[in-house]
Amino acid sequence: MAKIAVRRSTRSCCHDGREFVIHYELETLAAPEACLIRAYLEEISTDGQGVETPSTRVEVLCPYRELGEKLFDLISNTSEPVFPVHLPEIARDQLSSALLDGFSFVSKASPL
């Protein structure tokens, strides 16, 4: 799959006296009409160097580019940082909601 563009965003946060940087990436793909969202966590050590925590790298393939771009904007603009471990459940919830919004249910009486 050929890559078209990459957007990046970072968020910083502190937890239990430790400093973290969360990296988000959106990679749009040429074919099919899809995109890949990546998130990974980097802990900043006391000497100021970043060390990636390998167990916290998450990738989510989004089947619809427009929804993937909206999801990327959502996670990178939240008031609190989204940790990579939560990315799959947020993606699932947002995609399910978007797909269900497109359904309409019509009750039809059966002809006798």
PDB file of N, CA and C in Angstrom:
ATOM      1  N   MET A   1       0.840  -1.180   0.000  1.00  0.00           N
ATOM      2  CA  MET A   1       0.000   0.000   0.000  1.00  0.00           C
ATOM      3  C   MET A   1       0.885   1.244   0.000  1.00  0.00           C
ATOM      4  N   ALA A   2       0.641   2.124  -0.945  1.00  0.00           N
ATOM      5  CA  ALA A   2       1.412   3.359  -1.024  1.00  0.00           C
ATOM      6  C   ALA A   2       0.866   4.384  -0.041  1.00  0.00           C
ATOM      7  N   LYS A   3       1.789   5.045   0.629  1.00  0.00           N
ATOM      8  CA  LYS A   3       1.399   6.036   1.611  1.00  0.00           C
ATOM      9  C   LYS A   3       1.271   7.393   0.928  1.00  0.00           C
ATOM     10  N   ILE A   4       0.214   8.145   1.258  1.00  0.00           N
ATOM     11  CA  ILE A   4      -0.008   9.458   0.665  1.00  0.00           C
ATOM     12  C   ILE A   4       0.530  10.566   1.554  1.00  0.00           C
ATOM     13  N   ALA A   5       0.125  10.583   2.809  1.00  0.00           N
ATOM     14  CA  ALA A   5       0.516  11.673   3.696  1.00  0.00           C
ATOM     15  C   ALA A   5       0.544  11.193   5.131  1.00  0.00           C
ATOM     16  N   VAL A   6       1.308  11.896   5.920  1.00  0.00           N
ATOM     17  CA  VAL A   6       1.384  11.598   7.341  1.00  0.00           C
ATOM     18  C   VAL A   6       1.162  12.885   8.114  1.00  0.00           C
ATOM     19  N   ARG A   7       0.264  12.822   9.080  1.00  0.00           N
ATOM     20  CA  ARG A   7       0.069  13.931  10.021  1.00  0.00           C
ATOM     21  C   ARG A   7       0.535  13.443  11.381  1.00  0.00           C
ATOM     22  N   ARG A   8       1.136  14.347  12.146  1.00  0.00           N
ATOM     23  CA  ARG A   8       1.644  13.981  13.467  1.00  0.00           C
ATOM     24  C   ARG A   8       1.152  14.959  14.518  1.00  0.00           C
ATOM     25  N   SER A   9       1.033  14.442  15.725  1.00  0.00           N
ATOM     26  CA  SER A   9       0.641  15.267  16.859  1.00  0.00           C
ATOM     27  C   SER A   9       1.278  14.661  18.104  1.00  0.00           C
ATOM     28  N   THR A  10       1.607  15.487  19.084  1.00  0.00           N
ATOM     29  CA  THR A  10       2.152  14.982  20.344  1.00  0.00           C
ATOM     30  C   THR A  10       1.435  15.641  21.516  1.00  0.00           C
ATOM     31  N   ARG A  11       1.397  14.926  22.613  1.00  0.00           N
ATOM     32  CA  ARG A  11       0.820  15.433  23.865  1.00  0.00           C
ATOM     33  C   ARG A  11       1.781  15.074  24.987  1.00  0.00           C
ATOM     34  N   SER A  12       1.948  15.967  25.926  1.00  0.00           N
ATOM     35  CA  SER A  12       2.781  15.713  27.099  1.00  0.00           C
ATOM     36  C   SER A  12       1.897  15.576  28.321  1.00  0.00           C
ATOM     37  N   CYS A  13       2.347  14.762  29.257  1.00  0.00           N
ATOM     38  CA  CYS A  13       1.617  14.636  30.516  1.00  0.00           C
ATOM     39  C   CYS A  13       2.554  14.104  31.593  1.00  0.00           C
ATOM     40  N   CYS A  14       2.171  14.323  32.830  1.00  0.00           N
ATOM     41  CA  CYS A  14       2.910  13.800  33.980  1.00  0.00           C
ATOM     42  C   CYS A  14       1.991  12.873  34.760  1.00  0.00           C
ATOM     43  N   HIS A  15       2.566  11.789  35.249  1.00  0.00           N
ATOM     44  CA  HIS A  15       1.794  10.836  36.046  1.00  0.00           C
ATOM     45  C   HIS A  15       2.728  10.224  37.081  1.00  0.00           C
ATOM     46  N   ASP A  16       2.353  10.304  38.347  1.00  0.00           N
ATOM     47  CA  ASP A  16       3.164   9.769  39.451  1.00  0.00           C
ATOM     48  C   ASP A  16       4.604  10.278  39.404  1.00  0.00           C
ATOM     49  N   GLY A  17       4.771  11.556  39.082  1.00  0.00           N
ATOM     50  CA  GLY A  17       6.101  12.152  39.050  1.00  0.00           C
ATOM     51  C   GLY A  17       6.921  11.797  37.824  1.00  0.00           C
ATOM     52  N   ARG A  18       6.346  11.090  36.879  1.00  0.00           N
ATOM     53  CA  ARG A  18       7.056  10.717  35.649  1.00  0.00           C
ATOM     54  C   ARG A  18       6.490  11.529  34.493  1.00  0.00           C
ATOM     55  N   GLU A  19       7.358  11.889  33.560  1.00  0.00           N
ATOM     56  CA  GLU A  19       6.937  12.686  32.404  1.00  0.00           C
ATOM     57  C   GLU A  19       6.849  11.795  31.166  1.00  0.00           C
ATOM     58  N   PHE A  20       5.741  11.957  30.432  1.00  0.00           N
ATOM     59  CA  PHE A  20       5.504  11.161  29.234  1.00  0.00           C
ATOM     60  C   PHE A  20       5.171  12.066  28.059  1.00  0.00           C
ATOM     61  N   VAL A  21       5.511  11.601  26.875  1.00  0.00           N
ATOM     62  CA  VAL A  21       5.075  12.230  25.631  1.00  0.00           C
ATOM     63  C   VAL A  21       4.351  11.147  24.840  1.00  0.00           C
ATOM     64  N   ILE A  22       3.136  11.475  24.392  1.00  0.00           N
ATOM     65  CA  ILE A  22       2.362  10.534  23.584  1.00  0.00           C
ATOM     66  C   ILE A  22       2.386  11.040  22.148  1.00  0.00           C
ATOM     67  N   HIS A  23       2.792  10.183  21.242  1.00  0.00           N
ATOM     68  CA  HIS A  23       2.884  10.527  19.824  1.00  0.00           C
ATOM     69  C   HIS A  23       1.713   9.886  19.083  1.00  0.00           C
ATOM     70  N   TYR A  24       1.074  10.671  18.227  1.00  0.00           N
ATOM     71  CA  TYR A  24      -0.008  10.174  17.370  1.00  0.00           C
ATOM     72  C   TYR A  24       0.398  10.427  15.922  1.00  0.00           C
ATOM     73  N   GLU A  25       0.114   9.468  15.048  1.00  0.00           N
ATOM     74  CA  GLU A  25       0.386   9.624  13.617  1.00  0.00           C
ATOM     75  C   GLU A  25      -0.818   9.140  12.822  1.00  0.00           C
ATOM     76  N   LEU A  26      -1.128   9.865  11.770  1.00  0.00           N
ATOM     77  CA  LEU A  26      -2.180   9.465  10.833  1.00  0.00           C
ATOM     78  C   LEU A  26      -1.518   9.306   9.478  1.00  0.00           C
ATOM     79  N   GLU A  27      -1.569   8.110   8.941  1.00  0.00           N
ATOM     80  CA  GLU A  27      -0.981   7.825   7.632  1.00  0.00           C
ATOM     81  C   GLU A  27      -2.110   7.458   6.688  1.00  0.00           C
ATOM     82  N   THR A  28      -2.333   8.281   5.678  1.00  0.00           N
ATOM     83  CA  THR A  28      -3.369   7.952   4.701  1.00  0.00           C
ATOM     84  C   THR A  28      -2.752   7.071   3.627  1.00  0.00           C
ATOM     85  N   LEU A  29      -3.533   6.141   3.144  1.00  0.00           N
ATOM     86  CA  LEU A  29      -3.051   5.150   2.187  1.00  0.00           C
ATOM     87  C   LEU A  29      -3.700   5.376   0.832  1.00  0.00           C
ATOM     88  N   ALA A  30      -2.945   5.142  -0.233  1.00  0.00           N
ATOM     89  CA  ALA A  30      -3.449   5.374  -1.590  1.00  0.00           C
ATOM     90  C   ALA A  30      -4.574   4.405  -1.942  1.00  0.00           C
ATOM     91  N   ALA A  31      -4.375   3.149  -1.643  1.00  0.00           N
ATOM     92  CA  ALA A  31      -5.414   2.163  -1.958  1.00  0.00           C
ATOM     93  C   ALA A  31      -5.353   1.078  -0.911  1.00  0.00           C
ATOM     94  N   PRO A  32      -6.394   0.655  -0.366  1.00  0.00           N
ATOM     95  CA  PRO A  32      -7.751   1.165  -0.556  1.00  0.00           C
ATOM     96  C   PRO A  32      -7.929   2.503   0.159  1.00  0.00           C
ATOM     97  N   GLU A  33      -9.107   3.053   0.094  1.00  0.00           N
ATOM     98  CA  GLU A  33      -9.434   4.338   0.717  1.00  0.00           C
ATOM     99  C   GLU A  33      -9.448   4.143   2.236  1.00  0.00           C
ATOM    100  N   ALA A  34      -8.263   4.073   2.831  1.00  0.00           N
ATOM    101  CA  ALA A  34      -8.150   3.769   4.256  1.00  0.00           C
ATOM    102  C   ALA A  34      -7.042   4.609   4.872  1.00  0.00           C
ATOM    103  N   CYS A  35      -6.870   4.470   6.162  1.00  0.00           N
ATOM    104  CA  CYS A  35      -5.769   5.150   6.831  1.00  0.00           C
ATOM    105  C   CYS A  35      -5.348   4.342   8.055  1.00  0.00           C
ATOM    106  N   LEU A  36      -4.169   4.637   8.519  1.00  0.00           N
ATOM    107  CA  LEU A  36      -3.586   3.951   9.657  1.00  0.00           C
ATOM    108  C   LEU A  36      -3.323   4.988  10.738  1.00  0.00           C
ATOM    109  N   ILE A  37      -3.798   4.719  11.949  1.00  0.00           N
ATOM    110  CA  ILE A  37      -3.539   5.606  13.079  1.00  0.00           C
ATOM    111  C   ILE A  37      -2.596   4.871  14.019  1.00  0.00           C
ATOM    112  N   ARG A  38      -1.497   5.533  14.367  1.00  0.00           N
ATOM    113  CA  ARG A  38      -0.523   4.968  15.298  1.00  0.00           C
ATOM    114  C   ARG A  38      -0.458   5.854  16.536  1.00  0.00           C
ATOM    115  N   ALA A  39      -0.200   5.232  17.660  1.00  0.00           N
ATOM    116  CA  ALA A  39       0.040   5.976  18.893  1.00  0.00           C
ATOM    117  C   ALA A  39       1.107   5.222  19.679  1.00  0.00           C
ATOM    118  N   TYR A  40       2.043   5.964  20.233  1.00  0.00           N
ATOM    119  CA  TYR A  40       3.021   5.318  21.103  1.00  0.00           C
ATOM    120  C   TYR A  40       3.432   6.267  22.211  1.00  0.00           C
ATOM    121  N   LEU A  41       3.864   5.667  23.294  1.00  0.00           N
ATOM    122  CA  LEU A  41       4.190   6.376  24.518  1.00  0.00           C
ATOM    123  C   LEU A  41       5.699   6.422  24.683  1.00  0.00           C
ATOM    124  N   GLU A  42       6.190   7.577  25.061  1.00  0.00           N
ATOM    125  CA  GLU A  42       7.616   7.753  25.295  1.00  0.00           C
ATOM    126  C   GLU A  42       7.773   8.350  26.688  1.00  0.00           C
ATOM    127  N   GLU A  43       8.582   7.719  27.515  1.00  0.00           N
ATOM    128  CA  GLU A  43       8.849   8.269  28.845  1.00  0.00           C
ATOM    129  C   GLU A  43      10.118   9.099  28.773  1.00  0.00           C
ATOM    130  N   ILE A  44      10.051  10.297  29.338  1.00  0.00           N
ATOM    131  CA  ILE A  44      11.217  11.177  29.355  1.00  0.00           C
ATOM    132  C   ILE A  44      11.997  10.877  30.629  1.00  0.00           C
ATOM    133  N   SER A  45      13.245  10.480  30.460  1.00  0.00           N
ATOM    134  CA  SER A  45      14.068  10.127  31.616  1.00  0.00           C
ATOM    135  C   SER A  45      14.567  11.393  32.313  1.00  0.00           C
ATOM    136  N   THR A  46      15.179  11.212  33.458  1.00  0.00           N
ATOM    137  CA  THR A  46      15.655  12.356  34.242  1.00  0.00           C
ATOM    138  C   THR A  46      16.731  13.153  33.516  1.00  0.00           C
ATOM    139  N   ASP A  47      17.439  12.531  32.572  1.00  0.00           N
ATOM    140  CA  ASP A  47      18.460  13.267  31.814  1.00  0.00           C
ATOM    141  C   ASP A  47      17.876  13.961  30.583  1.00  0.00           C
ATOM    142  N   GLY A  48      16.553  13.901  30.440  1.00  0.00           N
ATOM    143  CA  GLY A  48      15.887  14.608  29.343  1.00  0.00           C
ATOM    144  C   GLY A  48      15.761  13.825  28.055  1.00  0.00           C
ATOM    145  N   GLN A  49      16.283  12.605  28.032  1.00  0.00           N
ATOM    146  CA  GLN A  49      16.202  11.777  26.831  1.00  0.00           C
ATOM    147  C   GLN A  49      14.901  10.985  26.832  1.00  0.00           C
ATOM    148  N   GLY A  50      14.306  10.864  25.657  1.00  0.00           N
ATOM    149  CA  GLY A  50      13.071  10.091  25.525  1.00  0.00           C
ATOM    150  C   GLY A  50      13.373   8.632  25.270  1.00  0.00           C
ATOM    151  N   VAL A  51      12.651   7.762  25.942  1.00  0.00           N
ATOM    152  CA  VAL A  51      12.797   6.325  25.746  1.00  0.00           C
ATOM    153  C   VAL A  51      11.416   5.766  25.437  1.00  0.00           C
ATOM    154  N   GLU A  52      11.279   5.196  24.234  1.00  0.00           N
ATOM    155  CA  GLU A  52       9.979   4.629  23.852  1.00  0.00           C
ATOM    156  C   GLU A  52       9.708   3.374  24.658  1.00  0.00           C
ATOM    157  N   THR A  53       8.482   3.256  25.107  1.00  0.00           N
ATOM    158  CA  THR A  53       8.039   2.066  25.819  1.00  0.00           C
ATOM    159  C   THR A  53       7.425   1.139  24.774  1.00  0.00           C
ATOM    160  N   PRO A  54       8.137   0.066  24.363  1.00  0.00           N
ATOM    161  CA  PRO A  54       7.679  -0.759  23.243  1.00  0.00           C
ATOM    162  C   PRO A  54       6.299  -1.382  23.426  1.00  0.00           C
ATOM    163  N   SER A  55       5.916  -1.681  24.638  1.00  0.00           N
ATOM    164  CA  SER A  55       4.629  -2.342  24.848  1.00  0.00           C
ATOM    165  C   SER A  55       3.455  -1.392  24.674  1.00  0.00           C
ATOM    166  N   THR A  56       3.731  -0.115  24.459  1.00  0.00           N
ATOM    167  CA  THR A  56       2.638   0.848  24.347  1.00  0.00           C
ATOM    168  C   THR A  56       2.519   1.430  22.942  1.00  0.00           C
ATOM    169  N   ARG A  57       2.948   0.702  21.925  1.00  0.00           N
ATOM    170  CA  ARG A  57       2.773   1.125  20.533  1.00  0.00           C
ATOM    171  C   ARG A  57       1.526   0.436  19.991  1.00  0.00           C
ATOM    172  N   VAL A  58       0.595   1.244  19.486  1.00  0.00           N
ATOM    173  CA  VAL A  58      -0.678   0.719  19.001  1.00  0.00           C
ATOM    174  C   VAL A  58      -0.923   1.245  17.592  1.00  0.00           C
ATOM    175  N   GLU A  59      -1.408   0.375  16.706  1.00  0.00           N
ATOM    176  CA  GLU A  59      -1.797   0.776  15.352  1.00  0.00           C
ATOM    177  C   GLU A  59      -3.225   0.321  15.102  1.00  0.00           C
ATOM    178  N   VAL A  60      -4.010   1.197  14.498  1.00  0.00           N
ATOM    179  CA  VAL A  60      -5.397   0.880  14.158  1.00  0.00           C
ATOM    180  C   VAL A  60      -5.601   1.203  12.684  1.00  0.00           C
ATOM    181  N   LEU A  61      -6.027   0.212  11.898  1.00  0.00           N
ATOM    182  CA  LEU A  61      -6.346   0.433  10.493  1.00  0.00           C
ATOM    183  C   LEU A  61      -7.800   0.860  10.409  1.00  0.00           C
ATOM    184  N   CYS A  62      -8.020   2.017   9.842  1.00  0.00           N
ATOM    185  CA  CYS A  62      -9.367   2.573   9.729  1.00  0.00           C
ATOM    186  C   CYS A  62      -9.823   2.399   8.276  1.00  0.00           C
ATOM    187  N   PRO A  63     -10.939   1.715   8.038  1.00  0.00           N
ATOM    188  CA  PRO A  63     -11.349   1.400   6.670  1.00  0.00           C
ATOM    189  C   PRO A  63     -11.843   2.595   5.861  1.00  0.00           C
ATOM    190  N   TYR A  64     -12.195   3.672   6.520  1.00  0.00           N
ATOM    191  CA  TYR A  64     -12.710   4.849   5.821  1.00  0.00           C
ATOM    192  C   TYR A  64     -11.857   6.054   6.188  1.00  0.00           C
ATOM    193  N   ARG A  65     -11.216   6.641   5.195  1.00  0.00           N
ATOM    194  CA  ARG A  65     -10.278   7.735   5.434  1.00  0.00           C
ATOM    195  C   ARG A  65     -10.925   8.909   6.157  1.00  0.00           C
ATOM    196  N   GLU A  66     -12.107   9.311   5.743  1.00  0.00           N
ATOM    197  CA  GLU A  66     -12.759  10.467   6.366  1.00  0.00           C
ATOM    198  C   GLU A  66     -13.001  10.226   7.858  1.00  0.00           C
ATOM    199  N   LEU A  67     -13.471   9.037   8.209  1.00  0.00           N
ATOM    200  CA  LEU A  67     -13.677   8.715   9.620  1.00  0.00           C
ATOM    201  C   LEU A  67     -12.348   8.645  10.364  1.00  0.00           C
ATOM    202  N   GLY A  68     -11.325   8.120   9.715  1.00  0.00           N
ATOM    203  CA  GLY A  68      -9.999   8.056  10.332  1.00  0.00           C
ATOM    204  C   GLY A  68      -9.442   9.432  10.627  1.00  0.00           C
ATOM    205  N   GLU A  69      -9.637  10.364   9.694  1.00  0.00           N
ATOM    206  CA  GLU A  69      -9.164  11.732   9.910  1.00  0.00           C
ATOM    207  C   GLU A  69      -9.923  12.395  11.055  1.00  0.00           C
ATOM    208  N   LYS A  70     -11.227  12.155  11.129  1.00  0.00           N
ATOM    209  CA  LYS A  70     -12.023  12.710  12.238  1.00  0.00           C
ATOM    210  C   LYS A  70     -11.591  12.097  13.566  1.00  0.00           C
ATOM    211  N   LEU A  71     -11.318  10.802  13.564  1.00  0.00           N
ATOM    212  CA  LEU A  71     -10.865  10.124  14.774  1.00  0.00           C
ATOM    213  C   LEU A  71      -9.512  10.677  15.219  1.00  0.00           C
ATOM    214  N   PHE A  72      -8.599  10.879  14.273  1.00  0.00           N
ATOM    215  CA  PHE A  72      -7.288  11.442  14.594  1.00  0.00           C
ATOM    216  C   PHE A  72      -7.449  12.827  15.218  1.00  0.00           C
ATOM    217  N   ASP A  73      -8.299  13.665  14.618  1.00  0.00           N
ATOM    218  CA  ASP A  73      -8.541  15.001  15.172  1.00  0.00           C
ATOM    219  C   ASP A  73      -9.135  14.910  16.576  1.00  0.00           C
ATOM    220  N   LEU A  74     -10.041  13.965  16.774  1.00  0.00           N
ATOM    221  CA  LEU A  74     -10.667  13.781  18.084  1.00  0.00           C
ATOM    222  C   LEU A  74      -9.630  13.437  19.148  1.00  0.00           C
ATOM    223  N   ILE A  75      -8.786  12.436  18.886  1.00  0.00           N
ATOM    224  CA  ILE A  75      -7.826  12.011  19.910  1.00  0.00           C
ATOM    225  C   ILE A  75      -6.708  13.021  20.114  1.00  0.00           C
ATOM    226  N   SER A  76      -6.327  13.747  19.078  1.00  0.00           N
ATOM    227  CA  SER A  76      -5.233  14.697  19.263  1.00  0.00           C
ATOM    228  C   SER A  76      -5.694  16.038  19.838  1.00  0.00           C
ATOM    229  N   ASN A  77      -7.004  16.264  19.915  1.00  0.00           N
ATOM    230  CA  ASN A  77      -7.512  17.533  20.454  1.00  0.00           C
ATOM    231  C   ASN A  77      -8.327  17.377  21.736  1.00  0.00           C
ATOM    232  N   THR A  78      -8.277  16.224  22.374  1.00  0.00           N
ATOM    233  CA  THR A  78      -9.025  16.048  23.618  1.00  0.00           C
ATOM    234  C   THR A  78      -8.396  16.879  24.732  1.00  0.00           C
ATOM    235  N   SER A  79      -9.181  17.171  25.760  1.00  0.00           N
ATOM    236  CA  SER A  79      -8.655  17.967  26.868  1.00  0.00           C
ATOM    237  C   SER A  79      -7.602  17.190  27.661  1.00  0.00           C
ATOM    238  N   GLU A  80      -7.751  15.882  27.736  1.00  0.00           N
ATOM    239  CA  GLU A  80      -6.772  15.012  28.396  1.00  0.00           C
ATOM    240  C   GLU A  80      -6.142  14.114  27.332  1.00  0.00           C
ATOM    241  N   PRO A  81      -4.848  13.798  27.460  1.00  0.00           N
ATOM    242  CA  PRO A  81      -4.212  12.931  26.466  1.00  0.00           C
ATOM    243  C   PRO A  81      -4.859  11.544  26.411  1.00  0.00           C
ATOM    244  N   VAL A  82      -4.921  10.979  25.220  1.00  0.00           N
ATOM    245  CA  VAL A  82      -5.424   9.614  25.029  1.00  0.00           C
ATOM    246  C   VAL A  82      -4.212   8.685  25.012  1.00  0.00           C
ATOM    247  N   PHE A  83      -4.154   7.785  25.988  1.00  0.00           N
ATOM    248  CA  PHE A  83      -3.041   6.850  26.035  1.00  0.00           C
ATOM    249  C   PHE A  83      -3.233   5.787  24.957  1.00  0.00           C
ATOM    250  N   PRO A  84      -2.127   5.327  24.352  1.00  0.00           N
ATOM    251  CA  PRO A  84      -2.220   4.378  23.237  1.00  0.00           C
ATOM    252  C   PRO A  84      -3.070   3.147  23.525  1.00  0.00           C
ATOM    253  N   VAL A  85      -3.036   2.655  24.741  1.00  0.00           N
ATOM    254  CA  VAL A  85      -3.792   1.448  25.078  1.00  0.00           C
ATOM    255  C   VAL A  85      -5.297   1.642  24.870  1.00  0.00           C
ATOM    256  N   HIS A  86      -5.785   2.878  24.917  1.00  0.00           N
ATOM    257  CA  HIS A  86      -7.216   3.148  24.755  1.00  0.00           C
ATOM    258  C   HIS A  86      -7.625   3.406  23.304  1.00  0.00           C
ATOM    259  N   LEU A  87      -6.663   3.534  22.407  1.00  0.00           N
ATOM    260  CA  LEU A  87      -6.962   3.858  21.012  1.00  0.00           C
ATOM    261  C   LEU A  87      -7.895   2.843  20.338  1.00  0.00           C
ATOM    262  N   PRO A  88      -7.675   1.532  20.457  1.00  0.00           N
ATOM    263  CA  PRO A  88      -8.584   0.590  19.778  1.00  0.00           C
ATOM    264  C   PRO A  88     -10.033   0.697  20.235  1.00  0.00           C
ATOM    265  N   GLU A  89     -10.268   0.845  21.541  1.00  0.00           N
ATOM    266  CA  GLU A  89     -11.657   0.923  22.008  1.00  0.00           C
ATOM    267  C   GLU A  89     -12.309   2.233  21.586  1.00  0.00           C
ATOM    268  N   ILE A  90     -11.558   3.325  21.566  1.00  0.00           N
ATOM    269  CA  ILE A  90     -12.109   4.605  21.104  1.00  0.00           C
ATOM    270  C   ILE A  90     -12.431   4.515  19.617  1.00  0.00           C
ATOM    271  N   ALA A  91     -11.519   3.928  18.838  1.00  0.00           N
ATOM    272  CA  ALA A  91     -11.756   3.766  17.398  1.00  0.00           C
ATOM    273  C   ALA A  91     -12.993   2.912  17.158  1.00  0.00           C
ATOM    274  N   ARG A  92     -13.114   1.803  17.875  1.00  0.00           N
ATOM    275  CA  ARG A  92     -14.278   0.924  17.723  1.00  0.00           C
ATOM    276  C   ARG A  92     -15.570   1.667  18.047  1.00  0.00           C
ATOM    277  N   ASP A  93     -15.582   2.381  19.164  1.00  0.00           N
ATOM    278  CA  ASP A  93     -16.795   3.102  19.568  1.00  0.00           C
ATOM    279  C   ASP A  93     -17.170   4.191  18.567  1.00  0.00           C
ATOM    280  N   GLN A  94     -16.180   4.949  18.105  1.00  0.00           N
ATOM    281  CA  GLN A  94     -16.452   6.039  17.168  1.00  0.00           C
ATOM    282  C   GLN A  94     -16.903   5.511  15.809  1.00  0.00           C
ATOM    283  N   LEU A  95     -16.250   4.451  15.324  1.00  0.00           N
ATOM    284  CA  LEU A  95     -16.638   3.878  14.033  1.00  0.00           C
ATOM    285  C   LEU A  95     -18.020   3.244  14.111  1.00  0.00           C
ATOM    286  N   SER A  96     -18.299   2.544  15.194  1.00  0.00           N
ATOM    287  CA  SER A  96     -19.631   1.943  15.361  1.00  0.00           C
ATOM    288  C   SER A  96     -20.703   3.015  15.385  1.00  0.00           C
ATOM    289  N   SER A  97     -20.448   4.073  16.109  1.00  0.00           N
ATOM    290  CA  SER A  97     -21.411   5.167  16.204  1.00  0.00           C
ATOM    291  C   SER A  97     -21.643   5.807  14.838  1.00  0.00           C
ATOM    292  N   ALA A  98     -20.559   6.054  14.106  1.00  0.00           N
ATOM    293  CA  ALA A  98     -20.681   6.683  12.786  1.00  0.00           C
ATOM    294  C   ALA A  98     -21.441   5.786  11.815  1.00  0.00           C
ATOM    295  N   LEU A  99     -21.157   4.488  11.856  1.00  0.00           N
ATOM    296  CA  LEU A  99     -21.843   3.569  10.950  1.00  0.00           C
ATOM    297  C   LEU A  99     -23.311   3.424  11.314  1.00  0.00           C
ATOM    298  N   LEU A 100     -23.612   3.370  12.600  1.00  0.00           N
ATOM    299  CA  LEU A 100     -25.007   3.240  13.018  1.00  0.00           C
ATOM    300  C   LEU A 100     -25.813   4.491  12.714  1.00  0.00           C
ATOM    301  N   ASP A 101     -25.163   5.654  12.719  1.00  0.00           N
ATOM    302  CA  ASP A 101     -25.862   6.897  12.379  1.00  0.00           C
ATOM    303  C   ASP A 101     -26.376   6.869  10.947  1.00  0.00           C
ATOM    304  N   GLY A 102     -25.735   6.066  10.095  1.00  0.00           N
ATOM    305  CA  GLY A 102     -26.139   5.990   8.697  1.00  0.00           C
ATOM    306  C   GLY A 102     -27.301   5.042   8.441  1.00  0.00           C
ATOM    307  N   PHE A 103     -27.678   4.261   9.436  1.00  0.00           N
ATOM    308  CA  PHE A 103     -28.785   3.323   9.279  1.00  0.00           C
ATOM    309  C   PHE A 103     -30.104   3.988   9.636  1.00  0.00           C
ATOM    310  N   SER A 104     -31.127   3.612   8.907  1.00  0.00           N
ATOM    311  CA  SER A 104     -32.477   4.023   9.305  1.00  0.00           C
ATOM    312  C   SER A 104     -33.349   2.778   9.263  1.00  0.00           C
ATOM    313  N   PHE A 105     -34.211   2.672  10.225  1.00  0.00           N
ATOM    314  CA  PHE A 105     -35.071   1.506  10.331  1.00  0.00           C
ATOM    315  C   PHE A 105     -36.494   1.920  10.003  1.00  0.00           C
ATOM    316  N   VAL A 106     -37.104   1.193   9.098  1.00  0.00           N
ATOM    317  CA  VAL A 106     -38.467   1.495   8.674  1.00  0.00           C
ATOM    318  C   VAL A 106     -39.320   0.269   8.950  1.00  0.00           C
ATOM    319  N   SER A 107     -40.418   0.490   9.622  1.00  0.00           N
ATOM    320  CA  SER A 107     -41.343  -0.602   9.903  1.00  0.00           C
ATOM    321  C   SER A 107     -42.389  -0.635   8.795  1.00  0.00           C
ATOM    322  N   LYS A 108     -42.503  -1.763   8.138  1.00  0.00           N
ATOM    323  CA  LYS A 108     -43.497  -1.907   7.071  1.00  0.00           C
ATOM    324  C   LYS A 108     -44.473  -3.001   7.457  1.00  0.00           C
ATOM    325  N   ALA A 109     -45.720  -2.744   7.235  1.00  0.00           N
ATOM    326  CA  ALA A 109     -46.745  -3.755   7.506  1.00  0.00           C
ATOM    327  C   ALA A 109     -46.705  -4.803   6.403  1.00  0.00           C
ATOM    328  N   SER A 110     -46.816  -6.050   6.788  1.00  0.00           N
ATOM    329  CA  SER A 110     -46.834  -7.136   5.809  1.00  0.00           C
ATOM    330  C   SER A 110     -48.188  -7.174   5.120  1.00  0.00           C
ATOM    331  N   PRO A 111     -48.201  -7.277   3.794  1.00  0.00           N
ATOM    332  CA  PRO A 111     -49.489  -7.400   3.106  1.00  0.00           C
ATOM    333  C   PRO A 111     -50.102  -8.762   3.409  1.00  0.00           C
ATOM    334  N   LEU A 112     -51.370  -8.786   3.656  1.00  0.00           N
ATOM    335  CA  LEU A 112     -52.060 -10.048   3.970  1.00  0.00           C
ATOM    336  C   LEU A 112     -52.634 -10.691   2.760  1.00  0.00           C
TER     337      LEU A 112
END
